[in-house]
Protein backbone atom coordinates (compact mmCIF):
# COMPACT_ATOMS: atom_id res chain seq x y z
CA UNK A 1 -0.24 0.22 -0.16
CA UNK A 2 1.36 3.33 -0.81
CA UNK A 3 2.58 6.15 1.73
CA UNK A 4 -0.79 8.42 0.51
CA UNK A 5 -3.19 5.87 1.12
CA UNK A 6 -1.68 5.14 4.20
CA UNK A 7 -2.21 8.95 4.96
CA UNK A 8 -5.74 9.16 3.44
CA UNK A 9 -7.43 6.32 5.64
CA UNK A 10 -5.60 8.27 8.82
CA UNK A 11 -6.68 11.95 8.22
CA UNK A 12 -9.79 10.43 7.63
CA UNK A 13 -10.22 8.27 10.75
CA UNK A 14 -8.79 11.33 13.16
CA UNK A 15 -11.17 13.17 10.99
CA UNK A 16 -13.95 11.15 12.42
CA UNK A 17 -12.74 11.20 15.88
CA UNK A 18 -12.50 14.89 15.56
CA UNK A 19 -16.03 15.44 14.27
CA UNK A 20 -17.26 12.66 16.75
CA UNK A 21 -19.61 14.88 19.35
CA UNK A 22 -17.83 12.96 21.95
CA UNK A 23 -14.80 15.42 22.77
CA UNK A 24 -13.40 13.23 25.36
CA UNK A 25 -13.88 9.68 23.04
CA UNK A 26 -9.97 8.90 23.91
CA UNK A 27 -9.60 10.21 27.07
CA UNK A 28 -9.75 7.63 30.04
CA UNK A 29 -7.39 5.21 28.51
CA UNK A 30 -6.41 2.89 31.52
CA UNK A 31 -1.86 2.67 31.73
CA UNK A 32 -0.06 1.41 33.92
CA UNK A 33 3.77 0.95 34.53
CA UNK A 34 6.15 -2.21 35.35
CA UNK A 35 9.81 -0.94 36.49
CA UNK A 36 12.67 -2.71 37.05
CA UNK A 37 15.76 -2.02 38.74
CA UNK A 38 18.86 -3.77 40.05
CA UNK A 39 19.21 -3.54 43.56
CA UNK A 40 23.16 -2.86 44.58
CA UNK A 41 25.36 -2.16 47.28
CA UNK A 42 26.74 1.37 48.27
CA UNK A 43 29.66 0.27 45.98
CA UNK A 44 27.83 -0.81 43.30
CA UNK A 45 28.12 -4.33 43.09
CA UNK A 46 25.30 -6.43 42.52
CA UNK A 47 23.26 -7.28 45.95
CA UNK A 48 23.87 -11.17 46.89
CA UNK A 49 21.22 -10.45 49.77
CA UNK A 50 17.65 -11.90 49.74
CA UNK A 51 14.84 -10.13 48.29
CA UNK A 52 13.69 -8.05 51.33
CA UNK A 53 11.07 -9.65 52.97
CA UNK A 54 9.90 -6.57 54.43
CA UNK A 55 8.59 -6.13 50.91
CA UNK A 56 6.50 -8.83 51.40
CA UNK A 57 6.68 -12.21 48.91
CA UNK A 58 7.71 -12.04 45.38
CA UNK A 59 5.43 -14.67 44.48
CA UNK A 60 2.26 -13.12 45.83
CA UNK A 61 2.64 -9.60 45.72
CA UNK A 62 0.74 -7.84 43.30
CA UNK A 63 2.74 -4.68 43.40
CA UNK A 64 6.75 -5.41 44.23
CA UNK A 65 8.27 -8.89 43.02
CA UNK A 66 11.49 -9.32 41.03
CA UNK A 67 12.18 -10.38 37.06
CA UNK A 68 14.92 -12.68 36.76
CA UNK A 69 17.66 -11.98 39.54
CA UNK A 70 16.82 -12.03 43.40
CA UNK A 71 18.06 -8.37 43.12
CA UNK A 72 16.35 -7.29 40.19
CA UNK A 73 12.75 -5.51 41.68
CA UNK A 74 10.23 -4.89 39.11
CA UNK A 75 7.51 -2.62 40.73
CA UNK A 76 3.95 -3.04 38.97
CA UNK A 77 1.69 -0.01 39.18
CA UNK A 78 -2.24 -0.41 38.94
CA UNK A 79 -3.81 1.04 35.91
CA UNK A 80 -4.83 4.79 36.11
CA UNK A 81 -6.93 6.88 34.07
CA UNK A 82 -4.70 9.82 34.83
CA UNK A 83 -1.44 9.86 34.13
CA UNK A 84 -0.45 12.30 37.07
CA UNK A 85 -1.46 9.37 39.54
CA UNK A 86 -0.04 6.82 38.00
CA UNK A 87 3.33 8.60 38.61
CA UNK A 88 2.37 9.38 42.10
CA UNK A 89 1.58 5.76 42.90
CA UNK A 90 5.46 4.79 41.50
CA UNK A 91 6.80 7.31 43.59
CA UNK A 92 5.36 6.12 46.46
CA UNK A 93 5.91 2.67 46.21
CA UNK A 94 9.66 3.68 45.54
CA UNK A 95 10.17 5.35 48.58
CA UNK A 96 8.40 2.21 50.07
CA UNK A 97 10.93 0.33 48.63
CA UNK A 98 13.63 2.56 49.57
CA UNK A 99 12.43 2.57 53.50
CA UNK A 100 13.42 -1.49 53.48
CA UNK A 101 16.72 -1.63 51.37
CA UNK A 102 18.61 -0.62 53.87
CA UNK A 103 22.32 -0.23 52.87
CA UNK A 104 21.14 -0.96 49.46
CA UNK A 105 20.90 1.24 45.87
CA UNK A 106 18.33 0.92 43.04
CA UNK A 107 20.51 0.70 40.50
CA UNK A 108 19.47 4.11 38.00
CA UNK A 109 20.35 2.86 34.81
CA UNK A 110 18.85 -0.49 32.06
CA UNK A 111 22.37 -1.56 31.32
CA UNK A 112 23.98 -3.36 34.15
CA UNK A 113 26.76 -2.32 37.36
CA UNK A 114 29.86 -3.97 37.67
CA UNK A 115 29.43 -7.82 37.01
CA UNK A 116 32.48 -10.13 36.31
CA UNK A 117 31.04 -13.37 36.04
CA UNK A 118 27.46 -15.05 35.58
CA UNK A 119 27.85 -16.33 38.28
CA UNK A 120 27.78 -13.19 40.55
CA UNK A 121 23.99 -12.69 39.16
CA UNK A 122 21.40 -14.93 41.83
CA UNK A 123 18.31 -16.44 40.38
CA UNK A 124 14.37 -15.08 41.46
CA UNK A 125 13.44 -17.79 44.35
CA UNK A 126 10.20 -17.81 44.45
CA UNK A 127 9.60 -20.48 47.41
CA UNK A 128 8.87 -24.25 47.61
CA UNK A 129 5.45 -24.45 45.50
CA UNK A 130 4.93 -26.04 42.32
CA UNK A 131 4.58 -22.46 40.68
CA UNK A 132 7.27 -20.78 42.11
CA UNK A 133 10.27 -23.48 41.72
CA UNK A 134 8.80 -23.67 38.29
CA UNK A 135 9.70 -19.31 37.80
CA UNK A 136 13.07 -20.30 39.10
CA UNK A 137 13.56 -23.42 37.02
CA UNK A 138 12.31 -21.02 33.42
CA UNK A 139 15.23 -18.74 34.84
CA UNK A 140 17.67 -21.27 35.48
CA UNK A 141 16.91 -21.82 31.93
CA UNK A 142 17.21 -18.36 30.58
CA UNK A 143 20.54 -17.91 31.79
CA UNK A 144 21.61 -20.96 30.16
CA UNK A 145 20.52 -20.38 26.91
CA UNK A 146 21.27 -16.81 26.45
CA UNK A 147 23.73 -15.77 29.58
CA UNK A 148 22.81 -14.47 32.56
CA UNK A 149 24.40 -11.47 32.11
CA UNK A 150 21.72 -10.33 29.44
CA UNK A 151 18.73 -10.88 31.85
CA UNK A 152 20.39 -7.95 34.39
CA UNK A 153 18.87 -5.82 32.12
CA UNK A 154 16.36 -3.28 33.22
CA UNK A 155 13.56 -1.73 31.67
CA UNK A 156 10.38 0.28 31.74
CA UNK A 157 7.33 -0.98 30.28
CA UNK A 158 4.67 0.79 29.97
CA UNK A 159 0.78 -0.67 29.71
CA UNK A 160 -2.10 0.87 27.80
CA UNK A 161 -5.77 0.13 27.10
CA UNK A 162 -8.06 2.44 25.25
CA UNK A 163 -11.28 3.46 27.56
CA UNK A 164 -13.88 0.94 26.28
CA UNK A 165 -16.42 3.64 25.02
CA UNK A 166 -14.21 4.63 22.46
CA UNK A 167 -14.45 0.90 20.38
CA UNK A 168 -18.21 1.12 19.35
CA UNK A 169 -17.43 4.84 18.34
CA UNK A 170 -14.60 3.44 16.49
CA UNK A 171 -16.44 0.54 14.57
CA UNK A 172 -18.88 3.37 13.44
CA UNK A 173 -15.56 5.24 11.81
CA UNK A 174 -14.68 2.57 10.23
CA UNK A 175 -17.71 1.20 8.97
CA UNK A 176 -17.55 -2.31 10.87
CA UNK A 177 -20.31 -4.23 12.01
CA UNK A 178 -17.91 -6.40 14.18
CA UNK A 179 -18.74 -5.69 17.91
CA UNK A 180 -17.15 -7.45 20.78
CA UNK A 181 -13.85 -8.95 21.51
CA UNK A 182 -12.64 -10.13 17.66
CA UNK A 183 -12.87 -6.76 16.50
CA UNK A 184 -11.25 -5.25 19.81
CA UNK A 185 -8.72 -7.88 19.02
CA UNK A 186 -8.37 -6.91 15.41
CA UNK A 187 -7.86 -3.20 16.31
CA UNK A 188 -4.89 -3.82 18.82
CA UNK A 189 -2.91 -6.31 16.19
CA UNK A 190 -3.31 -2.92 13.67
CA UNK A 191 -1.29 -1.43 16.57
CA UNK A 192 1.25 -4.30 16.99
CA UNK A 193 1.99 -4.13 13.25
CA UNK A 194 2.29 0.01 13.10
CA UNK A 195 4.34 -0.15 16.24
CA UNK A 196 6.98 -2.72 14.30
CA UNK A 197 7.22 -0.11 11.39
CA UNK A 198 7.15 2.75 13.36
CA UNK A 199 8.55 1.73 17.07
CA UNK A 200 11.78 2.94 16.20
CA UNK A 201 11.21 6.74 16.97
CA UNK A 202 10.63 5.65 20.82
CA UNK A 203 14.46 4.40 20.68
CA UNK A 204 15.72 7.96 19.23
CA UNK A 205 13.37 9.35 21.31
CA UNK A 206 13.90 7.60 24.52
CA UNK A 207 17.05 6.17 24.64
CA UNK A 208 19.52 6.43 27.36
CA UNK A 209 22.18 3.84 26.77
CA UNK A 210 24.74 4.43 24.33
CA UNK A 211 27.11 3.50 26.70
CA UNK A 212 27.86 0.15 28.79
CA UNK A 213 30.38 -1.45 31.52
CA UNK A 214 32.72 -3.37 30.10
CA UNK A 215 32.39 -6.05 32.48
CA UNK A 216 29.03 -6.28 30.21
CA UNK A 217 30.71 -7.35 26.92
CA UNK A 218 33.10 -9.87 28.52
CA UNK A 219 33.49 -12.85 26.47
CA UNK A 220 31.38 -11.47 23.88
CA UNK A 221 32.21 -10.54 20.65
CA UNK A 222 31.52 -6.43 19.79
CA UNK A 223 32.35 -3.86 17.75
CA UNK A 224 31.88 -1.06 20.57
CA UNK A 225 34.44 1.62 21.18
CA UNK A 226 36.44 2.47 24.06
CA UNK A 227 35.19 6.09 25.87
CA UNK A 228 36.32 5.91 29.51
CA UNK A 229 38.04 3.90 31.76
CA UNK A 230 35.60 0.48 32.11
CA UNK A 231 33.63 2.29 29.53
CA UNK A 232 32.46 1.06 26.15
CA UNK A 233 30.14 3.04 23.47
CA UNK A 234 28.54 3.26 20.03
CA UNK A 235 29.08 7.06 18.95
CA UNK A 236 25.78 7.42 17.84
CA UNK A 237 23.83 4.67 20.04
CA UNK A 238 20.18 5.85 21.46
CA UNK A 239 19.75 2.36 23.26
CA UNK A 240 22.17 -0.19 22.97
CA UNK A 241 19.95 -2.26 25.69
CA UNK A 242 17.82 -2.88 22.33
CA UNK A 243 20.27 -3.28 19.87
CA UNK A 244 22.35 -6.82 18.96
CA UNK A 245 24.30 -6.20 22.29
CA UNK A 246 21.10 -6.08 24.40
CA UNK A 247 17.58 -7.96 23.75
CA UNK A 248 17.49 -7.83 20.31
CA UNK A 249 20.26 -11.26 20.27
CA UNK A 250 20.71 -13.84 17.65
CA UNK A 251 19.94 -16.59 19.61
CA UNK A 252 15.95 -15.30 19.32
CA UNK A 253 17.18 -14.50 15.40
CA UNK A 254 14.99 -17.27 14.20
CA UNK A 255 12.09 -17.02 15.93
CA UNK A 256 9.80 -15.39 13.79
CA UNK A 257 6.17 -14.53 15.62
CA UNK A 258 3.72 -13.01 13.46
CA UNK A 259 1.17 -9.93 14.31
CA UNK A 260 -0.84 -10.34 11.41
CA UNK A 261 -3.66 -11.69 13.59
CA UNK A 262 -4.34 -12.99 17.16
CA UNK A 263 -4.75 -16.47 15.52
CA UNK A 264 -1.15 -16.50 13.78
CA UNK A 265 0.24 -14.59 16.70
CA UNK A 266 -1.29 -17.72 19.25
CA UNK A 267 0.03 -20.17 16.47
CA UNK A 268 3.51 -18.83 16.15
CA UNK A 269 4.63 -19.10 20.15
CA UNK A 270 2.67 -22.34 20.49
CA UNK A 271 4.57 -23.65 17.15
CA UNK A 272 8.22 -22.13 19.07
CA UNK A 273 7.17 -24.02 22.55
CA UNK A 274 6.40 -27.08 21.04
CA UNK A 275 9.40 -26.98 18.58
CA UNK A 276 12.22 -29.55 20.01
CA UNK A 277 15.79 -27.29 19.88
CA UNK A 278 19.09 -29.94 19.63
CA UNK A 279 20.85 -27.02 20.93
CA UNK A 280 19.33 -26.90 24.29
CA UNK A 281 18.69 -30.00 24.58
CA UNK A 282 21.99 -30.74 24.37
CA UNK A 283 22.89 -28.41 27.82
CA UNK A 284 19.80 -31.16 29.30
CA UNK A 285 16.82 -30.42 30.78
CA UNK A 286 17.58 -32.61 33.79
CA UNK A 287 20.48 -32.68 36.09
CA UNK A 288 20.14 -35.93 38.91
CA UNK A 289 17.08 -35.38 38.29
CA UNK A 290 16.78 -31.80 39.23
CA UNK A 291 15.16 -29.51 36.15
CA UNK A 292 18.00 -27.01 34.62
CA UNK A 293 15.22 -25.70 32.31
CA UNK A 294 11.68 -26.34 31.48
CA UNK A 295 11.97 -28.53 28.39
CA UNK A 296 14.40 -27.99 25.41
CA UNK A 297 12.21 -26.60 22.87
CA UNK A 298 12.60 -23.38 21.28
CA UNK A 299 11.36 -21.33 23.96
CA UNK A 300 10.35 -22.54 26.85
CA UNK A 301 7.14 -20.60 27.48
CA UNK A 302 5.53 -17.73 25.79
CA UNK A 303 7.62 -15.23 28.31
CA UNK A 304 10.59 -15.94 26.41
CA UNK A 305 9.87 -14.66 23.33
CA UNK A 306 11.20 -10.94 23.12
CA UNK A 307 9.29 -8.38 21.91
CA UNK A 308 8.79 -4.59 21.51
CA UNK A 309 5.67 -4.83 22.43
CA UNK A 310 3.23 -7.61 23.13
CA UNK A 311 -0.75 -7.88 23.26
CA UNK A 312 -1.57 -8.63 26.94
CA UNK A 313 -4.88 -10.30 28.74
CA UNK A 314 -5.00 -10.49 32.43
CA UNK A 315 -4.68 -14.02 33.19
CA UNK A 316 -6.56 -16.57 34.94
CA UNK A 317 -4.41 -18.35 37.94
CA UNK A 318 -2.64 -21.29 36.03
CA UNK A 319 -3.69 -19.85 32.55
CA UNK A 320 -0.93 -19.14 30.06
CA UNK A 321 -0.69 -16.43 27.78
CA UNK A 322 -1.79 -17.71 24.49
CA UNK A 323 -4.69 -19.58 26.21
CA UNK A 324 -6.03 -16.41 27.95
CA UNK A 325 -5.63 -14.53 24.54
CA UNK A 326 -7.52 -17.36 22.73
CA UNK A 327 -10.59 -17.18 25.58
CA UNK A 328 -11.07 -13.86 25.91
CA UNK A 329 -9.35 -11.57 23.50
CA UNK A 330 -6.51 -8.58 23.82
CA UNK A 331 -7.29 -6.82 26.86
CA UNK A 332 -4.24 -3.91 26.39
CA UNK A 333 -0.52 -3.83 25.00
CA UNK A 334 2.73 -3.51 26.48
CA UNK A 335 5.03 -1.28 25.26
CA UNK A 336 8.45 -2.82 25.77
CA UNK A 337 11.12 -0.55 24.65
CA UNK A 338 12.20 1.96 27.24
CA UNK A 339 14.70 2.30 29.29
CA UNK A 340 15.14 3.38 32.20
CA UNK A 341 16.36 6.63 32.88
CA UNK A 342 18.86 7.95 34.99
CA UNK A 343 17.59 11.26 35.09
CA UNK A 344 14.46 10.44 36.23
CA UNK A 345 14.35 9.21 39.64
CA UNK A 346 11.32 7.26 39.20
CA UNK A 347 13.22 6.00 35.82
CA UNK A 348 10.16 7.62 33.30
CA UNK A 349 8.34 10.80 33.52
CA UNK A 350 5.15 12.29 32.31
CA UNK A 351 5.81 13.92 29.42
CA UNK A 352 7.55 10.77 27.73
CA UNK A 353 4.07 8.46 28.91
CA UNK A 354 1.98 11.04 27.23
CA UNK A 355 3.94 10.44 24.47
CA UNK A 356 3.39 6.60 24.28
CA UNK A 357 -0.55 7.23 24.72
CA UNK A 358 -0.64 9.67 21.88
CA UNK A 359 1.88 7.14 19.78
CA UNK A 360 -0.15 4.03 20.68
CA UNK A 361 -3.10 6.00 19.17
CA UNK A 362 -0.98 7.26 15.73
CA UNK A 363 -0.60 3.29 15.60
CA UNK A 364 -4.11 2.35 15.82
CA UNK A 365 -5.51 4.86 13.33
CA UNK A 366 -2.41 4.55 10.66
CA UNK A 367 -3.48 1.96 7.98
CA UNK A 368 -1.92 -1.49 9.25
CA UNK A 369 -1.42 -4.08 6.06
CA UNK A 370 -0.28 -7.33 6.83
CA UNK A 371 3.64 -7.24 7.74
CA UNK A 372 5.66 -10.05 4.69
CA UNK A 373 8.93 -11.25 5.70
CA UNK A 374 10.18 -9.01 3.61
CA UNK A 375 9.14 -6.11 4.87
CA UNK A 376 9.51 -7.49 8.83
CA UNK A 377 13.75 -8.02 7.64
CA UNK A 378 13.89 -4.27 7.07
CA UNK A 379 11.67 -3.59 10.26
CA UNK A 380 14.00 -5.01 12.41
CA UNK A 381 16.92 -3.66 10.32
CA UNK A 382 15.43 -0.09 11.27
CA UNK A 383 15.08 -0.92 15.16
CA UNK A 384 18.65 -2.03 14.89
CA UNK A 385 20.34 0.57 13.24
CA UNK A 386 18.73 3.50 15.31
CA UNK A 387 19.40 1.71 18.48
CA UNK A 388 23.04 1.60 17.62
CA UNK A 389 23.47 4.86 15.52
CA UNK A 390 20.29 6.30 15.85
CA UNK A 391 22.07 9.85 16.41
CA UNK A 392 24.26 9.72 12.81
CA UNK A 393 24.01 12.84 10.97
CA UNK A 394 22.28 11.80 7.87
CA UNK A 395 20.80 8.71 8.91
CA UNK A 396 18.88 6.78 6.18
CA UNK A 397 15.80 3.84 7.47
CA UNK A 398 14.19 1.74 4.65
CA UNK A 399 10.45 2.16 4.05
CA UNK A 400 8.07 0.69 1.88
CA UNK A 401 11.21 -0.87 -0.38
CA UNK A 402 13.38 2.09 -0.73
CA UNK A 403 15.77 4.10 1.54
CA UNK A 404 14.58 7.47 3.14
CA UNK A 405 16.00 10.01 5.59
CA UNK A 406 14.79 9.28 9.19
CA UNK A 407 14.40 12.59 10.21
CA UNK A 408 12.26 13.35 7.66
CA UNK A 409 10.15 10.00 8.65
CA UNK A 410 10.16 11.25 11.98
CA UNK A 411 9.21 14.76 11.26
CA UNK A 412 6.04 13.06 9.13
CA UNK A 413 5.29 11.15 12.83
CA UNK A 414 5.33 13.80 14.69
CA UNK A 415 3.24 16.02 12.40
CA UNK A 416 0.48 13.26 11.89
CA UNK A 417 0.14 12.89 15.93
CA UNK A 418 -0.97 17.30 16.03
CA UNK A 419 -4.62 16.50 15.76
CA UNK A 420 -4.92 13.19 18.26
CA UNK A 421 -2.94 15.06 21.46
CA UNK A 422 -5.67 18.13 20.77
CA UNK A 423 -8.40 15.23 21.12
CA UNK A 424 -6.49 13.87 24.24
CA UNK A 425 -6.14 17.46 25.42
CA UNK A 426 -9.51 18.81 25.38
CA UNK A 427 -10.86 20.50 28.48
CA UNK A 428 -7.08 20.88 29.92
CA UNK A 429 -5.94 24.13 29.33
CA UNK A 430 -2.44 23.07 29.78
CA UNK A 431 -2.25 21.07 27.02
CA UNK A 432 0.05 18.76 28.49
CA UNK A 433 -0.44 16.56 25.21
CA UNK A 434 0.60 18.82 22.73
CA UNK A 435 3.78 19.89 24.88
CA UNK A 436 4.87 16.67 25.31
CA UNK A 437 4.83 16.43 21.38
CA UNK A 438 6.27 19.74 21.17
CA UNK A 439 9.09 18.91 23.45
CA UNK A 440 9.65 15.27 21.62
CA UNK A 441 9.96 17.62 17.84
CA UNK A 442 12.82 19.86 19.35
CA UNK A 443 14.26 16.32 19.98
CA UNK A 444 13.67 15.84 15.91
CA UNK A 445 15.18 18.90 15.58
CA UNK A 446 18.06 19.15 17.70
CA UNK A 447 19.81 15.84 18.51
CA UNK A 448 21.70 17.61 21.33
CA UNK A 449 18.19 17.27 23.13
CA UNK A 450 18.34 13.50 23.47
CA UNK A 451 18.44 11.05 26.09
CA UNK A 452 21.46 9.66 24.65
CA UNK A 453 22.85 12.45 24.00
CA UNK A 454 22.45 13.85 27.17
CA UNK A 455 23.71 11.16 28.64
CA UNK A 456 26.86 11.40 26.35
CA UNK A 457 27.34 15.45 27.63
CA UNK A 458 27.17 14.17 30.87
CA UNK A 459 29.95 11.52 30.80
CA UNK A 460 32.29 14.20 28.98
CA UNK A 461 31.55 16.95 31.68
CA UNK A 462 32.13 15.14 34.27
CA UNK A 463 35.12 12.49 32.80
CA UNK A 464 33.28 10.14 34.67
CA UNK A 465 33.15 5.99 33.65
CA UNK A 466 29.42 4.97 32.92
CA UNK A 467 29.57 3.05 36.11
CA UNK A 468 30.31 6.09 38.33
CA UNK A 469 28.18 8.13 36.64
CA UNK A 470 25.04 5.38 37.50
CA UNK A 471 26.35 5.39 40.88
CA UNK A 472 26.45 8.78 41.58
CA UNK A 473 22.96 9.02 40.25
CA UNK A 474 22.02 5.72 42.37
CA UNK A 475 22.83 7.05 45.67
CA UNK A 476 21.64 10.78 44.85
CA UNK A 477 18.24 8.89 43.85
CA UNK A 478 18.63 7.23 47.30
CA UNK A 479 18.77 10.58 49.05
CA UNK A 480 15.76 12.02 47.46
CA UNK A 481 13.11 9.43 48.29
CA UNK A 482 14.43 8.98 51.69
CA UNK A 483 14.25 12.85 52.16
CA UNK A 484 10.91 13.47 50.21
CA UNK A 485 8.47 15.07 52.34
CA UNK A 486 5.77 14.75 54.03
CA UNK A 487 5.81 11.18 52.54
CA UNK A 488 1.44 9.28 51.97
CA UNK A 489 1.60 7.60 55.43
CA UNK A 490 -1.42 6.04 54.47
CA UNK A 491 -0.71 4.68 51.31
CA UNK A 492 2.63 3.41 52.87
CA UNK A 493 1.00 1.56 55.47
CA UNK A 494 -1.15 -0.34 52.64
CA UNK A 495 2.29 -1.10 51.52
CA UNK A 496 2.88 -3.00 54.64
CA UNK A 497 -0.27 -4.89 54.46
CA UNK A 498 -0.12 -5.83 50.84
CA UNK A 499 3.79 -7.38 52.05
CA UNK A 500 2.44 -9.09 54.89
CA UNK A 501 -0.61 -10.29 52.80
CA UNK A 502 1.42 -11.67 50.78
CA UNK A 503 3.95 -13.71 52.82
CA UNK A 504 0.89 -15.54 54.41
CA UNK A 505 -0.37 -16.42 50.56
CA UNK A 506 2.90 -17.97 49.28
CA UNK A 507 2.07 -19.96 53.01
CA UNK A 508 -1.35 -21.04 51.36
CA UNK A 509 0.18 -21.71 47.61
CA UNK A 510 2.26 -23.85 49.26
CA UNK A 511 0.39 -25.62 51.62
CA UNK A 512 -2.49 -26.49 48.76
CA UNK A 513 0.49 -28.16 46.58
CA UNK A 514 -0.30 -32.05 45.49
CA UNK A 515 2.12 -34.02 43.84
CA UNK A 516 5.36 -34.47 42.54
CA UNK A 517 7.13 -31.30 40.41
CA UNK A 518 6.95 -33.36 37.11
CA UNK A 519 3.40 -33.70 37.24
CA UNK A 520 2.71 -29.91 37.87
CA UNK A 521 4.80 -29.02 34.82
CA UNK A 522 2.42 -31.80 32.63
CA UNK A 523 -0.57 -30.39 33.40
CA UNK A 524 0.72 -27.09 33.02
CA UNK A 525 1.89 -27.57 29.52
CA UNK A 526 -1.02 -30.10 28.42
CA UNK A 527 -3.65 -27.38 28.83
């Protein structure tokens, strides 16, 4: 489909929204955040201590858990209809966590602290229940397959769902008679395809990992340059976290998952989960009766497949992610491409989240034809190119089989979001969405305004290593949260109660277990 045709479809849909007679038609979407941080010692070494008991059970806690490592805290907010409420909750979570870390700090960047060996990265522990054991075995398998160092990378995930009232109005705009979960799922897959096409813009605007600690690269081939003692970098990088140095590792290069429909998405993930992979079989599933990985298939479970954005539905107890999607369709999308920002105490800010909300809407409204294999190859190349060279003068990307200047394409996307932000701003004289868009437009025109450029400028000015800068910011953020006054004591008390309840819940889960672990796994994968 030509660019003109795509633009025509988009303009028609946007105009219909603007003139719908429902001034708040896009407002009231629900948004949440998942933010990961490594716990480190005051000297910046990875913490070897257990997940603090005062924070509750990592297995059963709804809002404070762990990701890959026992030292990798993950903070999960509920969903809110306003961005300021979301950020306030995330701030309160940080304040509560810091009250129970003792001398430890939360590392303020996506790329990890100085880690000499994989063995220094402790696997997350979830107790003796079958489900808890499964979580730890899965993580051990990830370490065997990809190395534990890659799993020590942190990120910020943005979860978003459009208002329920929006969907009938949008069906009218599209002239569609479809209603319900099938229609909503189809439209969310429009978002997924267009995010694959245009998500490189998020890396340019918000990537803040142009440098890494050299310990991260130990034993790995790379082409990064020396920047400072112990520091390697790519001169024009935006997000090494999202490049082939980080998550976009070659180990999953052959895993192809279609987002052309929910059916194809579930089919491809199911195939990967059930297809044996000889190199993983050679690693061994068990050692002396103890599981080393859940299985020797291409993917152990769905979550092993890394993507920039995922379709999601809240799963029932014991329900796999693809089962939840098949049962009731897509409920929301999870945007996974955000680096943790050392320049924001909670790792993210309102301006960034408002832009992302508008950007997801752009991905919905633009025409979204199916993605063929040849196009997908170009889209993957665009993401890696911007991750590693996004600030390079005159950078070109691939679009519809032709090369196009990145800046020209970025300007077009930003301009297309103007009307969307005006709809989201209706009734608010402060016009926060339009201001968020203007902030990003300035980064397109002046590359020095990007967070990655700011990171490089800070390092050049202070002559610090990446490790020293990240440690300094980690200490500053801890002081900020501990000195923050007045704290919301009622919410902190709520977090304390939730922590205690989660510990009791974990005990109940462990007491309810029946049968052997092998039987539990067999039931899980048979459903």
